[in-house]
Amino acid sequence: MANDVDLVVLSDTPESLDDAAWFEHLAPGARLVRSQEWGPVRERRFRLVSGLIVELGIAPSNWAAVPLDQGTRRVLKDGHRVLYDTRLLGRATAAVAG
């Protein structure tokens, strides 16, 4: 089984991240291997030169709005680490913990 990294990027303008070129700029040589829609989340799966798979989910900011929908709650309950937050994910995390 291959290791992978799952990232979710929330944006007020998620459509601005549709072009995968910005990610490929961050990780030169990355290759888009799959695109899929999961409700409001647009998944872009990349294979890095090292072989590592990065699953990038791009979603509108309201994906983490409280009250959480069932899909968001499941994703957050499965375990997560917030790398950067404008307080939206803090509220979502508290809703899952409480």
PDB file of N, CA and C in Angstrom:
ATOM      1  N   MET A   1       0.847  -1.180   0.000  1.00  0.00           N
ATOM      2  CA  MET A   1       0.000   0.000   0.000  1.00  0.00           C
ATOM      3  C   MET A   1       0.895   1.247   0.000  1.00  0.00           C
ATOM      4  N   ALA A   2       0.634   2.177  -0.880  1.00  0.00           N
ATOM      5  CA  ALA A   2       1.434   3.392  -1.009  1.00  0.00           C
ATOM      6  C   ALA A   2       1.026   4.397   0.058  1.00  0.00           C
ATOM      7  N   ASN A   3       1.985   5.159   0.526  1.00  0.00           N
ATOM      8  CA  ASN A   3       1.689   6.257   1.442  1.00  0.00           C
ATOM      9  C   ASN A   3       1.147   7.423   0.646  1.00  0.00           C
ATOM     10  N   ASP A   4       0.310   8.213   1.300  1.00  0.00           N
ATOM     11  CA  ASP A   4      -0.180   9.407   0.643  1.00  0.00           C
ATOM     12  C   ASP A   4      -0.383  10.507   1.667  1.00  0.00           C
ATOM     13  N   VAL A   5      -0.582  11.696   1.175  1.00  0.00           N
ATOM     14  CA  VAL A   5      -0.869  12.870   1.985  1.00  0.00           C
ATOM     15  C   VAL A   5      -2.189  13.429   1.489  1.00  0.00           C
ATOM     16  N   ASP A   6      -3.097  13.685   2.409  1.00  0.00           N
ATOM     17  CA  ASP A   6      -4.390  14.264   2.071  1.00  0.00           C
ATOM     18  C   ASP A   6      -4.440  15.692   2.588  1.00  0.00           C
ATOM     19  N   LEU A   7      -4.735  16.622   1.707  1.00  0.00           N
ATOM     20  CA  LEU A   7      -4.851  18.034   2.066  1.00  0.00           C
ATOM     21  C   LEU A   7      -6.204  18.556   1.609  1.00  0.00           C
ATOM     22  N   VAL A   8      -6.786  19.417   2.421  1.00  0.00           N
ATOM     23  CA  VAL A   8      -8.000  20.113   2.013  1.00  0.00           C
ATOM     24  C   VAL A   8      -7.704  21.603   2.067  1.00  0.00           C
ATOM     25  N   VAL A   9      -7.972  22.280   0.976  1.00  0.00           N
ATOM     26  CA  VAL A   9      -7.800  23.729   0.892  1.00  0.00           C
ATOM     27  C   VAL A   9      -9.190  24.335   0.790  1.00  0.00           C
ATOM     28  N   LEU A  10      -9.517  25.212   1.744  1.00  0.00           N
ATOM     29  CA  LEU A  10     -10.795  25.913   1.715  1.00  0.00           C
ATOM     30  C   LEU A  10     -10.565  27.313   1.174  1.00  0.00           C
ATOM     31  N   SER A  11     -11.465  27.748   0.311  1.00  0.00           N
ATOM     32  CA  SER A  11     -11.302  29.049  -0.330  1.00  0.00           C
ATOM     33  C   SER A  11     -12.664  29.681  -0.578  1.00  0.00           C
ATOM     34  N   ASP A  12     -12.704  30.989  -0.469  1.00  0.00           N
ATOM     35  CA  ASP A  12     -13.926  31.709  -0.836  1.00  0.00           C
ATOM     36  C   ASP A  12     -14.130  31.684  -2.344  1.00  0.00           C
ATOM     37  N   THR A  13     -13.051  31.391  -3.096  1.00  0.00           N
ATOM     38  CA  THR A  13     -13.124  31.305  -4.557  1.00  0.00           C
ATOM     39  C   THR A  13     -12.447  30.001  -5.020  1.00  0.00           C
ATOM     40  N   PRO A  14     -13.036  28.845  -4.694  1.00  0.00           N
ATOM     41  CA  PRO A  14     -12.385  27.575  -5.037  1.00  0.00           C
ATOM     42  C   PRO A  14     -12.167  27.383  -6.532  1.00  0.00           C
ATOM     43  N   GLU A  15     -13.002  28.005  -7.348  1.00  0.00           N
ATOM     44  CA  GLU A  15     -12.844  27.864  -8.802  1.00  0.00           C
ATOM     45  C   GLU A  15     -11.514  28.456  -9.272  1.00  0.00           C
ATOM     46  N   SER A  16     -10.956  29.378  -8.500  1.00  0.00           N
ATOM     47  CA  SER A  16      -9.673  29.965  -8.884  1.00  0.00           C
ATOM     48  C   SER A  16      -8.522  28.969  -8.750  1.00  0.00           C
ATOM     49  N   LEU A  17      -8.770  27.845  -8.086  1.00  0.00           N
ATOM     50  CA  LEU A  17      -7.747  26.818  -7.900  1.00  0.00           C
ATOM     51  C   LEU A  17      -7.959  25.613  -8.822  1.00  0.00           C
ATOM     52  N   ASP A  18      -8.903  25.711  -9.753  1.00  0.00           N
ATOM     53  CA  ASP A  18      -9.199  24.599 -10.658  1.00  0.00           C
ATOM     54  C   ASP A  18      -8.018  24.206 -11.538  1.00  0.00           C
ATOM     55  N   ASP A  19      -7.261  25.188 -11.976  1.00  0.00           N
ATOM     56  CA  ASP A  19      -6.104  24.918 -12.825  1.00  0.00           C
ATOM     57  C   ASP A  19      -4.996  24.332 -11.952  1.00  0.00           C
ATOM     58  N   ALA A  20      -4.578  23.123 -12.246  1.00  0.00           N
ATOM     59  CA  ALA A  20      -3.592  22.416 -11.427  1.00  0.00           C
ATOM     60  C   ALA A  20      -2.189  22.992 -11.554  1.00  0.00           C
ATOM     61  N   ALA A  21      -1.982  23.945 -12.425  1.00  0.00           N
ATOM     62  CA  ALA A  21      -0.639  24.488 -12.655  1.00  0.00           C
ATOM     63  C   ALA A  21      -0.035  25.078 -11.381  1.00  0.00           C
ATOM     64  N   TRP A  22      -0.839  25.683 -10.518  1.00  0.00           N
ATOM     65  CA  TRP A  22      -0.300  26.277  -9.289  1.00  0.00           C
ATOM     66  C   TRP A  22       0.320  25.212  -8.394  1.00  0.00           C
ATOM     67  N   PHE A  23      -0.297  24.022  -8.331  1.00  0.00           N
ATOM     68  CA  PHE A  23       0.275  22.952  -7.506  1.00  0.00           C
ATOM     69  C   PHE A  23       1.540  22.394  -8.153  1.00  0.00           C
ATOM     70  N   GLU A  24       1.490  22.237  -9.445  1.00  0.00           N
ATOM     71  CA  GLU A  24       2.661  21.730 -10.158  1.00  0.00           C
ATOM     72  C   GLU A  24       3.840  22.698 -10.041  1.00  0.00           C
ATOM     73  N   HIS A  25       3.534  23.981  -9.865  1.00  0.00           N
ATOM     74  CA  HIS A  25       4.592  24.970  -9.634  1.00  0.00           C
ATOM     75  C   HIS A  25       5.228  24.757  -8.252  1.00  0.00           C
ATOM     76  N   LEU A  26       4.419  24.401  -7.257  1.00  0.00           N
ATOM     77  CA  LEU A  26       4.917  24.127  -5.906  1.00  0.00           C
ATOM     78  C   LEU A  26       5.710  22.822  -5.845  1.00  0.00           C
ATOM     79  N   ALA A  27       5.328  21.870  -6.673  1.00  0.00           N
ATOM     80  CA  ALA A  27       5.972  20.556  -6.680  1.00  0.00           C
ATOM     81  C   ALA A  27       6.361  20.221  -8.120  1.00  0.00           C
ATOM     82  N   PRO A  28       7.490  20.762  -8.594  1.00  0.00           N
ATOM     83  CA  PRO A  28       7.900  20.517  -9.982  1.00  0.00           C
ATOM     84  C   PRO A  28       7.967  19.024 -10.296  1.00  0.00           C
ATOM     85  N   GLY A  29       7.442  18.682 -11.441  1.00  0.00           N
ATOM     86  CA  GLY A  29       7.424  17.288 -11.871  1.00  0.00           C
ATOM     87  C   GLY A  29       6.205  16.525 -11.400  1.00  0.00           C
ATOM     88  N   ALA A  30       5.357  17.158 -10.556  1.00  0.00           N
ATOM     89  CA  ALA A  30       4.132  16.498 -10.108  1.00  0.00           C
ATOM     90  C   ALA A  30       3.242  16.241 -11.316  1.00  0.00           C
ATOM     91  N   ARG A  31       2.568  15.107 -11.270  1.00  0.00           N
ATOM     92  CA  ARG A  31       1.699  14.729 -12.386  1.00  0.00           C
ATOM     93  C   ARG A  31       0.286  14.505 -11.867  1.00  0.00           C
ATOM     94  N   LEU A  32      -0.681  15.173 -12.465  1.00  0.00           N
ATOM     95  CA  LEU A  32      -2.083  14.980 -12.112  1.00  0.00           C
ATOM     96  C   LEU A  32      -2.497  13.588 -12.565  1.00  0.00           C
ATOM     97  N   VAL A  33      -2.952  12.759 -11.625  1.00  0.00           N
ATOM     98  CA  VAL A  33      -3.330  11.391 -11.984  1.00  0.00           C
ATOM     99  C   VAL A  33      -4.825  11.137 -11.874  1.00  0.00           C
ATOM    100  N   ARG A  34      -5.552  12.044 -11.180  1.00  0.00           N
ATOM    101  CA  ARG A  34      -6.998  11.846 -11.101  1.00  0.00           C
ATOM    102  C   ARG A  34      -7.671  13.133 -10.671  1.00  0.00           C
ATOM    103  N   SER A  35      -8.823  13.388 -11.247  1.00  0.00           N
ATOM    104  CA  SER A  35      -9.701  14.483 -10.835  1.00  0.00           C
ATOM    105  C   SER A  35     -11.069  13.883 -10.580  1.00  0.00           C
ATOM    106  N   GLN A  36     -11.670  14.271  -9.477  1.00  0.00           N
ATOM    107  CA  GLN A  36     -12.989  13.742  -9.155  1.00  0.00           C
ATOM    108  C   GLN A  36     -13.731  14.746  -8.293  1.00  0.00           C
ATOM    109  N   GLU A  37     -15.041  14.726  -8.375  1.00  0.00           N
ATOM    110  CA  GLU A  37     -15.888  15.603  -7.568  1.00  0.00           C
ATOM    111  C   GLU A  37     -16.531  14.766  -6.457  1.00  0.00           C
ATOM    112  N   TRP A  38     -16.491  15.274  -5.236  1.00  0.00           N
ATOM    113  CA  TRP A  38     -17.128  14.651  -4.076  1.00  0.00           C
ATOM    114  C   TRP A  38     -18.038  15.702  -3.448  1.00  0.00           C
ATOM    115  N   GLY A  39     -19.226  15.847  -3.986  1.00  0.00           N
ATOM    116  CA  GLY A  39     -20.098  16.922  -3.519  1.00  0.00           C
ATOM    117  C   GLY A  39     -19.424  18.248  -3.809  1.00  0.00           C
ATOM    118  N   PRO A  40     -19.249  19.099  -2.781  1.00  0.00           N
ATOM    119  CA  PRO A  40     -18.629  20.403  -3.010  1.00  0.00           C
ATOM    120  C   PRO A  40     -17.101  20.349  -3.105  1.00  0.00           C
ATOM    121  N   VAL A  41     -16.512  19.189  -2.848  1.00  0.00           N
ATOM    122  CA  VAL A  41     -15.051  19.057  -2.846  1.00  0.00           C
ATOM    123  C   VAL A  41     -14.575  18.575  -4.210  1.00  0.00           C
ATOM    124  N   ARG A  42     -13.616  19.306  -4.766  1.00  0.00           N
ATOM    125  CA  ARG A  42     -12.977  18.892  -6.021  1.00  0.00           C
ATOM    126  C   ARG A  42     -11.664  18.223  -5.653  1.00  0.00           C
ATOM    127  N   GLU A  43     -11.544  16.950  -5.937  1.00  0.00           N
ATOM    128  CA  GLU A  43     -10.305  16.225  -5.637  1.00  0.00           C
ATOM    129  C   GLU A  43      -9.367  16.291  -6.826  1.00  0.00           C
ATOM    130  N   ARG A  44      -8.118  16.612  -6.544  1.00  0.00           N
ATOM    131  CA  ARG A  44      -7.043  16.552  -7.536  1.00  0.00           C
ATOM    132  C   ARG A  44      -5.948  15.686  -6.916  1.00  0.00           C
ATOM    133  N   ARG A  45      -5.687  14.556  -7.531  1.00  0.00           N
ATOM    134  CA  ARG A  45      -4.680  13.627  -7.004  1.00  0.00           C
ATOM    135  C   ARG A  45      -3.424  13.731  -7.860  1.00  0.00           C
ATOM    136  N   PHE A  46      -2.298  13.978  -7.190  1.00  0.00           N
ATOM    137  CA  PHE A  46      -1.021  14.154  -7.873  1.00  0.00           C
ATOM    138  C   PHE A  46      -0.038  13.080  -7.429  1.00  0.00           C
ATOM    139  N   ARG A  47       0.816  12.666  -8.342  1.00  0.00           N
ATOM    140  CA  ARG A  47       1.955  11.819  -8.014  1.00  0.00           C
ATOM    141  C   ARG A  47       3.195  12.690  -8.127  1.00  0.00           C
ATOM    142  N   LEU A  48       3.926  12.782  -6.998  1.00  0.00           N
ATOM    143  CA  LEU A  48       5.163  13.550  -6.996  1.00  0.00           C
ATOM    144  C   LEU A  48       6.282  12.729  -7.617  1.00  0.00           C
ATOM    145  N   VAL A  49       7.364  13.375  -7.966  1.00  0.00           N
ATOM    146  CA  VAL A  49       8.519  12.700  -8.551  1.00  0.00           C
ATOM    147  C   VAL A  49       8.994  11.574  -7.634  1.00  0.00           C
ATOM    148  N   SER A  50       8.898  11.770  -6.330  1.00  0.00           N
ATOM    149  CA  SER A  50       9.321  10.759  -5.353  1.00  0.00           C
ATOM    150  C   SER A  50       8.409   9.533  -5.334  1.00  0.00           C
ATOM    151  N   GLY A  51       7.233   9.651  -5.960  1.00  0.00           N
ATOM    152  CA  GLY A  51       6.252   8.575  -5.937  1.00  0.00           C
ATOM    153  C   GLY A  51       5.132   8.823  -4.939  1.00  0.00           C
ATOM    154  N   LEU A  52       5.322   9.771  -4.033  1.00  0.00           N
ATOM    155  CA  LEU A  52       4.302  10.096  -3.048  1.00  0.00           C
ATOM    156  C   LEU A  52       3.049  10.611  -3.740  1.00  0.00           C
ATOM    157  N   ILE A  53       1.903  10.163  -3.288  1.00  0.00           N
ATOM    158  CA  ILE A  53       0.622  10.641  -3.799  1.00  0.00           C
ATOM    159  C   ILE A  53       0.114  11.746  -2.873  1.00  0.00           C
ATOM    160  N   VAL A  54      -0.273  12.873  -3.460  1.00  0.00           N
ATOM    161  CA  VAL A  54      -0.890  13.964  -2.713  1.00  0.00           C
ATOM    162  C   VAL A  54      -2.320  14.092  -3.214  1.00  0.00           C
ATOM    163  N   GLU A  55      -3.265  13.871  -2.310  1.00  0.00           N
ATOM    164  CA  GLU A  55      -4.674  14.027  -2.640  1.00  0.00           C
ATOM    165  C   GLU A  55      -5.101  15.395  -2.138  1.00  0.00           C
ATOM    166  N   LEU A  56      -5.382  16.278  -3.062  1.00  0.00           N
ATOM    167  CA  LEU A  56      -5.708  17.661  -2.756  1.00  0.00           C
ATOM    168  C   LEU A  56      -7.206  17.863  -2.956  1.00  0.00           C
ATOM    169  N   GLY A  57      -7.888  18.199  -1.881  1.00  0.00           N
ATOM    170  CA  GLY A  57      -9.303  18.510  -1.949  1.00  0.00           C
ATOM    171  C   GLY A  57      -9.480  20.022  -1.907  1.00  0.00           C
ATOM    172  N   ILE A  58     -10.188  20.568  -2.856  1.00  0.00           N
ATOM    173  CA  ILE A  58     -10.431  22.004  -2.922  1.00  0.00           C
ATOM    174  C   ILE A  58     -11.928  22.213  -2.701  1.00  0.00           C
ATOM    175  N   ALA A  59     -12.250  23.028  -1.701  1.00  0.00           N
ATOM    176  CA  ALA A  59     -13.657  23.196  -1.344  1.00  0.00           C
ATOM    177  C   ALA A  59     -13.947  24.647  -0.987  1.00  0.00           C
ATOM    178  N   PRO A  60     -15.213  25.034  -1.106  1.00  0.00           N
ATOM    179  CA  PRO A  60     -15.589  26.372  -0.655  1.00  0.00           C
ATOM    180  C   PRO A  60     -15.469  26.456   0.863  1.00  0.00           C
ATOM    181  N   SER A  61     -15.219  27.635   1.371  1.00  0.00           N
ATOM    182  CA  SER A  61     -15.054  27.830   2.815  1.00  0.00           C
ATOM    183  C   SER A  61     -16.237  27.305   3.616  1.00  0.00           C
ATOM    184  N   ASN A  62     -17.434  27.400   3.066  1.00  0.00           N
ATOM    185  CA  ASN A  62     -18.605  26.942   3.823  1.00  0.00           C
ATOM    186  C   ASN A  62     -18.641  25.426   4.010  1.00  0.00           C
ATOM    187  N   TRP A  63     -17.693  24.689   3.440  1.00  0.00           N
ATOM    188  CA  TRP A  63     -17.575  23.244   3.673  1.00  0.00           C
ATOM    189  C   TRP A  63     -17.397  22.979   5.172  1.00  0.00           C
ATOM    190  N   ALA A  64     -16.759  23.908   5.879  1.00  0.00           N
ATOM    191  CA  ALA A  64     -16.485  23.729   7.304  1.00  0.00           C
ATOM    192  C   ALA A  64     -17.419  24.562   8.181  1.00  0.00           C
ATOM    193  N   ALA A  65     -18.494  25.070   7.616  1.00  0.00           N
ATOM    194  CA  ALA A  65     -19.419  25.890   8.393  1.00  0.00           C
ATOM    195  C   ALA A  65     -20.225  25.021   9.359  1.00  0.00           C
ATOM    196  N   VAL A  66     -20.408  25.553  10.561  1.00  0.00           N
ATOM    197  CA  VAL A  66     -21.206  24.884  11.585  1.00  0.00           C
ATOM    198  C   VAL A  66     -22.646  25.355  11.426  1.00  0.00           C
ATOM    199  N   PRO A  67     -23.637  24.467  11.445  1.00  0.00           N
ATOM    200  CA  PRO A  67     -23.525  23.036  11.717  1.00  0.00           C
ATOM    201  C   PRO A  67     -22.922  22.290  10.523  1.00  0.00           C
ATOM    202  N   LEU A  68     -22.101  21.312  10.834  1.00  0.00           N
ATOM    203  CA  LEU A  68     -21.396  20.542   9.808  1.00  0.00           C
ATOM    204  C   LEU A  68     -22.340  19.574   9.120  1.00  0.00           C
ATOM    205  N   ASP A  69     -22.142  19.407   7.812  1.00  0.00           N
ATOM    206  CA  ASP A  69     -22.900  18.353   7.137  1.00  0.00           C
ATOM    207  C   ASP A  69     -22.241  17.012   7.473  1.00  0.00           C
ATOM    208  N   GLN A  70     -22.934  15.941   7.166  1.00  0.00           N
ATOM    209  CA  GLN A  70     -22.482  14.606   7.537  1.00  0.00           C
ATOM    210  C   GLN A  70     -21.124  14.243   6.924  1.00  0.00           C
ATOM    211  N   GLY A  71     -20.892  14.613   5.669  1.00  0.00           N
ATOM    212  CA  GLY A  71     -19.628  14.295   5.004  1.00  0.00           C
ATOM    213  C   GLY A  71     -18.452  15.019   5.641  1.00  0.00           C
ATOM    214  N   THR A  72     -18.621  16.303   5.935  1.00  0.00           N
ATOM    215  CA  THR A  72     -17.554  17.073   6.577  1.00  0.00           C
ATOM    216  C   THR A  72     -17.272  16.518   7.966  1.00  0.00           C
ATOM    217  N   ARG A  73     -18.311  16.221   8.715  1.00  0.00           N
ATOM    218  CA  ARG A  73     -18.153  15.661  10.061  1.00  0.00           C
ATOM    219  C   ARG A  73     -17.345  14.367  10.006  1.00  0.00           C
ATOM    220  N   ARG A  74     -17.647  13.496   9.040  1.00  0.00           N
ATOM    221  CA  ARG A  74     -16.931  12.221   8.903  1.00  0.00           C
ATOM    222  C   ARG A  74     -15.456  12.448   8.604  1.00  0.00           C
ATOM    223  N   VAL A  75     -15.166  13.356   7.680  1.00  0.00           N
ATOM    224  CA  VAL A  75     -13.775  13.649   7.327  1.00  0.00           C
ATOM    225  C   VAL A  75     -13.012  14.157   8.547  1.00  0.00           C
ATOM    226  N   LEU A  76     -13.599  15.083   9.291  1.00  0.00           N
ATOM    227  CA  LEU A  76     -12.921  15.652  10.453  1.00  0.00           C
ATOM    228  C   LEU A  76     -12.776  14.643  11.588  1.00  0.00           C
ATOM    229  N   LYS A  77     -13.780  13.787  11.773  1.00  0.00           N
ATOM    230  CA  LYS A  77     -13.698  12.772  12.828  1.00  0.00           C
ATOM    231  C   LYS A  77     -12.646  11.715  12.523  1.00  0.00           C
ATOM    232  N   ASP A  78     -12.358  11.485  11.253  1.00  0.00           N
ATOM    233  CA  ASP A  78     -11.339  10.490  10.874  1.00  0.00           C
ATOM    234  C   ASP A  78      -9.940  10.935  11.294  1.00  0.00           C
ATOM    235  N   GLY A  79      -9.808  12.184  11.661  1.00  0.00           N
ATOM    236  CA  GLY A  79      -8.532  12.726  12.109  1.00  0.00           C
ATOM    237  C   GLY A  79      -8.044  13.794  11.160  1.00  0.00           C
ATOM    238  N   HIS A  80      -7.561  14.871  11.727  1.00  0.00           N
ATOM    239  CA  HIS A  80      -7.072  15.973  10.902  1.00  0.00           C
ATOM    240  C   HIS A  80      -6.104  16.832  11.709  1.00  0.00           C
ATOM    241  N   ARG A  81      -5.337  17.593  11.001  1.00  0.00           N
ATOM    242  CA  ARG A  81      -4.429  18.570  11.600  1.00  0.00           C
ATOM    243  C   ARG A  81      -4.590  19.856  10.804  1.00  0.00           C
ATOM    244  N   VAL A  82      -4.877  20.915  11.494  1.00  0.00           N
ATOM    245  CA  VAL A  82      -5.066  22.211  10.848  1.00  0.00           C
ATOM    246  C   VAL A  82      -3.702  22.864  10.676  1.00  0.00           C
ATOM    247  N   LEU A  83      -3.367  23.210   9.442  1.00  0.00           N
ATOM    248  CA  LEU A  83      -2.094  23.866   9.164  1.00  0.00           C
ATOM    249  C   LEU A  83      -2.212  25.388   9.199  1.00  0.00           C
ATOM    250  N   TYR A  84      -3.327  25.906   8.780  1.00  0.00           N
ATOM    251  CA  TYR A  84      -3.574  27.344   8.800  1.00  0.00           C
ATOM    252  C   TYR A  84      -5.077  27.541   8.924  1.00  0.00           C
ATOM    253  N   ASP A  85      -5.484  28.448   9.779  1.00  0.00           N
ATOM    254  CA  ASP A  85      -6.906  28.611  10.020  1.00  0.00           C
ATOM    255  C   ASP A  85      -7.257  30.082  10.199  1.00  0.00           C
ATOM    256  N   THR A  86      -8.379  30.458   9.647  1.00  0.00           N
ATOM    257  CA  THR A  86      -8.921  31.801   9.852  1.00  0.00           C
ATOM    258  C   THR A  86     -10.076  31.739  10.856  1.00  0.00           C
ATOM    259  N   ARG A  87     -10.042  30.759  11.727  1.00  0.00           N
ATOM    260  CA  ARG A  87     -11.004  30.468  12.799  1.00  0.00           C
ATOM    261  C   ARG A  87     -12.160  29.586  12.366  1.00  0.00           C
ATOM    262  N   LEU A  88     -12.354  29.417  11.087  1.00  0.00           N
ATOM    263  CA  LEU A  88     -13.445  28.577  10.600  1.00  0.00           C
ATOM    264  C   LEU A  88     -13.234  27.122  11.001  1.00  0.00           C
ATOM    265  N   LEU A  89     -12.040  26.600  10.792  1.00  0.00           N
ATOM    266  CA  LEU A  89     -11.780  25.198  11.129  1.00  0.00           C
ATOM    267  C   LEU A  89     -11.726  24.967  12.629  1.00  0.00           C
ATOM    268  N   GLY A  90     -11.342  25.971  13.380  1.00  0.00           N
ATOM    269  CA  GLY A  90     -11.371  25.843  14.845  1.00  0.00           C
ATOM    270  C   GLY A  90     -12.788  25.583  15.325  1.00  0.00           C
ATOM    271  N   ARG A  91     -13.739  26.295  14.779  1.00  0.00           N
ATOM    272  CA  ARG A  91     -15.145  26.088  15.140  1.00  0.00           C
ATOM    273  C   ARG A  91     -15.625  24.701  14.680  1.00  0.00           C
ATOM    274  N   ALA A  92     -15.211  24.297  13.489  1.00  0.00           N
ATOM    275  CA  ALA A  92     -15.598  22.970  12.978  1.00  0.00           C
ATOM    276  C   ALA A  92     -15.015  21.858  13.844  1.00  0.00           C
ATOM    277  N   THR A  93     -13.743  22.011  14.237  1.00  0.00           N
ATOM    278  CA  THR A  93     -13.087  21.021  15.085  1.00  0.00           C
ATOM    279  C   THR A  93     -13.800  20.935  16.441  1.00  0.00           C
ATOM    280  N   ALA A  94     -14.143  22.072  17.005  1.00  0.00           N
ATOM    281  CA  ALA A  94     -14.868  22.075  18.286  1.00  0.00           C
ATOM    282  C   ALA A  94     -16.213  21.391  18.154  1.00  0.00           C
ATOM    283  N   ALA A  95     -16.886  21.565  17.019  1.00  0.00           N
ATOM    284  CA  ALA A  95     -18.185  20.932  16.803  1.00  0.00           C
ATOM    285  C   ALA A  95     -18.048  19.414  16.730  1.00  0.00           C
ATOM    286  N   VAL A  96     -16.964  18.931  16.169  1.00  0.00           N
ATOM    287  CA  VAL A  96     -16.742  17.482  16.072  1.00  0.00           C
ATOM    288  C   VAL A  96     -16.384  16.911  17.445  1.00  0.00           C
ATOM    289  N   ALA A  97     -15.585  17.656  18.202  1.00  0.00           N
ATOM    290  CA  ALA A  97     -15.135  17.184  19.518  1.00  0.00           C
ATOM    291  C   ALA A  97     -16.264  17.207  20.553  1.00  0.00           C
ATOM    292  N   GLY A  98     -17.199  18.144  20.370  1.00  0.00           N
ATOM    293  CA  GLY A  98     -18.238  18.341  21.378  1.00  0.00           C
ATOM    294  C   GLY A  98     -19.424  17.482  21.241  1.00  0.00           C
TER     295      GLY A  98
END
